[in-house]
Amino acid sequence: MATATHSPLKDVLFRSWTRGDIPILARMARDLYHYIESIDPVWRTSPMAEDLLRAHLTDLYTKRYAMTYLACSGLDVVGFITGTVVHRPPVLLPPRDGLVDNAYVRPDWRGKGIGSRLCRMLLDWFARQEIREVRIHYQVSNRAAAAFWQKMGFRPWTIEGHCFLSDPSRASG
């Protein structure tokens, strides 16, 4: 089977989203979530994921505190990144920070600089919103994602643990 090859990065159009992009973004985010589910035993995706993602993205689109950038080859969306400005509890400084909600590049387009360019675009957008700190959540089981985010300057900061209460093997005490 032949490996797909694609045009150089100079032939990829990078742009901000429109309302019409929401259905394809929801499908791509669903694909991302299904991939994470395949490598992470804690991650579980709703059977209604695509519909829920479409509603979530529509809500974000109507707000001024969110941005999505897309990478397109012709009419095909080959990658995207979404970020939101988050208002933190008043006891924490700074009072607002940025959160990278989702980032995805189709597997056959990875390694061409698309994810890096999308990330830089979103970080620039956050800077224009006067955001000085940006967070990302990624699964430790997704080693490629961990390496990418560290390459982009993100460093592990907190650890989120999970305990399944229905698990009879969990330690008591």
Protein backbone atom coordinates (compact mmCIF):
# COMPACT_ATOMS: atom_id res chain seq x y z
CA MET A 1 0.00 0.00 0.00
CA ALA A 2 1.38 3.40 -0.97
CA THR A 3 1.85 6.10 1.64
CA ALA A 4 -0.06 9.31 1.01
CA THR A 5 2.10 12.32 0.33
CA HIS A 6 0.92 15.88 0.41
CA SER A 7 1.93 19.24 -0.92
CA PRO A 8 4.41 21.36 0.99
CA LEU A 9 3.30 23.60 3.83
CA LYS A 10 3.32 26.61 1.50
CA ASP A 11 0.25 25.14 -0.21
CA VAL A 12 -1.68 24.91 3.08
CA LEU A 13 -4.04 27.77 3.89
CA PHE A 14 -4.25 28.80 7.55
CA ARG A 15 -7.33 30.75 8.60
CA SER A 16 -9.72 31.46 11.45
CA TRP A 17 -12.97 29.58 11.61
CA THR A 18 -16.43 30.38 10.35
CA ARG A 19 -19.76 29.04 11.57
CA GLY A 20 -19.80 26.78 8.51
CA ASP A 21 -16.67 24.99 9.75
CA ILE A 22 -18.37 23.68 12.90
CA PRO A 23 -19.65 20.34 11.48
CA ILE A 24 -16.21 19.29 10.16
CA LEU A 25 -14.52 20.48 13.36
CA ALA A 26 -16.97 18.38 15.40
CA ARG A 27 -16.17 15.30 13.26
CA MET A 28 -12.43 15.86 13.56
CA ALA A 29 -12.66 16.41 17.34
CA ARG A 30 -14.73 13.20 17.59
CA ASP A 31 -11.98 11.38 15.68
CA LEU A 32 -9.42 12.80 18.11
CA TYR A 33 -11.48 11.67 21.10
CA HIS A 34 -11.91 8.17 19.66
CA TYR A 35 -8.15 7.96 19.14
CA ILE A 36 -7.50 9.02 22.75
CA GLU A 37 -10.04 6.45 23.91
CA SER A 38 -8.10 3.77 22.02
CA ILE A 39 -4.85 4.52 23.90
CA ASP A 40 -6.14 5.66 27.30
CA PRO A 41 -8.22 3.35 29.51
CA VAL A 42 -9.58 6.28 31.55
CA TRP A 43 -10.89 8.30 28.58
CA ARG A 44 -14.47 7.48 27.58
CA THR A 45 -16.30 9.21 24.73
CA SER A 46 -20.06 9.69 24.66
CA PRO A 47 -21.90 7.93 21.82
CA MET A 48 -23.33 11.40 21.09
CA ALA A 49 -19.85 12.96 20.93
CA GLU A 50 -20.18 14.56 17.51
CA ASP A 51 -23.55 16.18 18.30
CA LEU A 52 -22.31 17.39 21.69
CA LEU A 53 -19.12 18.75 20.16
CA ARG A 54 -21.13 20.56 17.49
CA ALA A 55 -23.24 22.22 20.22
CA HIS A 56 -20.13 23.09 22.25
CA LEU A 57 -18.34 24.58 19.25
CA THR A 58 -21.44 26.57 18.30
CA ASP A 59 -21.53 27.99 21.83
CA LEU A 60 -17.83 28.87 21.63
CA TYR A 61 -18.32 30.48 18.22
CA THR A 62 -20.87 32.91 19.64
CA LYS A 63 -18.51 34.01 22.42
CA ARG A 64 -15.66 36.49 22.12
CA TYR A 65 -13.44 34.43 24.41
CA ALA A 66 -12.74 31.57 21.98
CA MET A 67 -10.81 31.12 18.74
CA THR A 68 -10.25 28.26 16.33
CA TYR A 69 -7.71 28.22 13.54
CA LEU A 70 -7.79 25.76 10.66
CA ALA A 71 -5.26 24.39 8.23
CA CYS A 72 -6.78 23.64 4.82
CA SER A 73 -5.55 21.96 1.68
CA GLY A 74 -7.96 22.94 -1.03
CA LEU A 75 -11.41 22.34 0.43
CA ASP A 76 -10.16 19.78 2.98
CA VAL A 77 -9.56 20.76 6.61
CA VAL A 78 -6.38 18.90 7.59
CA GLY A 79 -5.93 20.32 11.09
CA PHE A 80 -7.31 22.71 13.68
CA ILE A 81 -6.70 24.17 17.11
CA THR A 82 -9.23 25.71 19.50
CA GLY A 83 -8.52 27.88 22.52
CA THR A 84 -10.55 29.74 25.12
CA VAL A 85 -9.90 32.48 27.63
CA VAL A 86 -10.72 31.15 31.09
CA HIS A 87 -11.68 33.30 34.08
CA ARG A 88 -10.01 31.84 37.13
CA PRO A 89 -11.17 31.96 40.76
CA PRO A 90 -10.43 35.40 42.27
CA VAL A 91 -7.84 34.00 44.66
CA LEU A 92 -5.62 32.93 41.73
CA LEU A 93 -3.40 35.18 39.66
CA PRO A 94 -3.55 36.02 36.87
CA PRO A 95 -7.35 36.37 36.87
CA ARG A 96 -7.54 34.98 33.30
CA ASP A 97 -5.51 32.44 31.41
CA GLY A 98 -5.73 30.58 28.13
CA LEU A 99 -6.72 26.99 27.58
CA VAL A 100 -6.01 25.00 24.43
CA ASP A 101 -9.25 23.02 24.20
CA ASN A 102 -8.47 20.79 21.22
CA ALA A 103 -5.75 20.43 18.65
CA TYR A 104 -5.72 17.90 15.85
CA VAL A 105 -3.86 17.30 12.61
CA ARG A 106 -4.94 14.42 10.40
CA PRO A 107 -2.40 11.59 10.66
CA ASP A 108 -1.39 11.78 6.99
CA TRP A 109 -0.54 15.49 7.43
CA ARG A 110 1.53 15.23 10.61
CA GLY A 111 5.22 16.09 10.71
CA LYS A 112 4.90 18.92 8.19
CA GLY A 113 4.78 21.86 10.64
CA ILE A 114 1.00 22.27 10.56
CA GLY A 115 0.48 21.70 14.29
CA SER A 116 3.34 24.06 15.15
CA ARG A 117 1.96 26.80 12.92
CA LEU A 118 -1.56 26.41 14.32
CA CYS A 119 -0.19 26.53 17.87
CA ARG A 120 1.82 29.70 17.19
CA MET A 121 -1.28 31.33 15.67
CA LEU A 122 -3.34 30.50 18.77
CA LEU A 123 -0.59 31.67 21.15
CA ASP A 124 -0.44 34.95 19.22
CA TRP A 125 -4.23 35.29 19.56
CA PHE A 126 -3.96 34.71 23.32
CA ALA A 127 -1.26 37.40 23.53
CA ARG A 128 -3.57 39.86 21.72
CA GLN A 129 -6.21 39.05 24.37
CA GLU A 130 -3.59 40.05 27.00
CA ILE A 131 -3.28 36.48 28.22
CA ARG A 132 0.12 35.66 29.68
CA GLU A 133 -0.32 32.00 30.67
CA VAL A 134 -1.73 29.20 28.53
CA ARG A 135 -2.58 25.64 29.59
CA ILE A 136 -3.16 22.40 27.71
CA HIS A 137 -4.49 19.07 28.98
CA TYR A 138 -3.15 15.98 27.24
CA GLN A 139 -3.11 12.31 28.09
CA VAL A 140 0.21 10.95 29.34
CA SER A 141 -0.53 7.86 27.25
CA ASN A 142 -0.35 10.02 24.11
CA ARG A 143 3.43 10.28 23.90
CA ALA A 144 3.39 12.06 20.54
CA ALA A 145 1.15 14.78 21.99
CA ALA A 146 3.33 15.10 25.10
CA ALA A 147 6.45 15.51 22.93
CA PHE A 148 4.71 18.05 20.66
CA TRP A 149 3.46 20.23 23.52
CA GLN A 150 6.84 20.18 25.23
CA LYS A 151 8.47 21.19 21.93
CA MET A 152 6.02 24.12 21.83
CA GLY A 153 7.17 25.26 25.30
CA PHE A 154 4.52 23.68 27.51
CA ARG A 155 5.82 21.96 30.64
CA PRO A 156 4.02 19.50 32.93
CA TRP A 157 2.61 21.39 35.87
CA THR A 158 -0.07 19.40 37.68
CA ILE A 159 -1.08 15.77 37.71
CA GLU A 160 -4.72 14.76 37.55
CA GLY A 161 -5.52 11.44 39.17
CA HIS A 162 -8.54 9.24 38.64
CA CYS A 163 -10.14 6.78 41.03
CA PHE A 164 -13.00 4.61 39.84
CA LEU A 165 -15.26 4.10 42.84
CA SER A 166 -16.84 1.02 41.31
CA ASP A 167 -13.41 -0.65 41.04
CA PRO A 168 -13.25 -3.38 43.76
CA SER A 169 -9.46 -3.56 43.48
CA ARG A 170 -8.83 0.03 44.59
CA ALA A 171 -7.04 0.40 47.86
CA SER A 172 -9.16 1.28 50.86
CA GLY A 173 -8.06 3.34 53.75
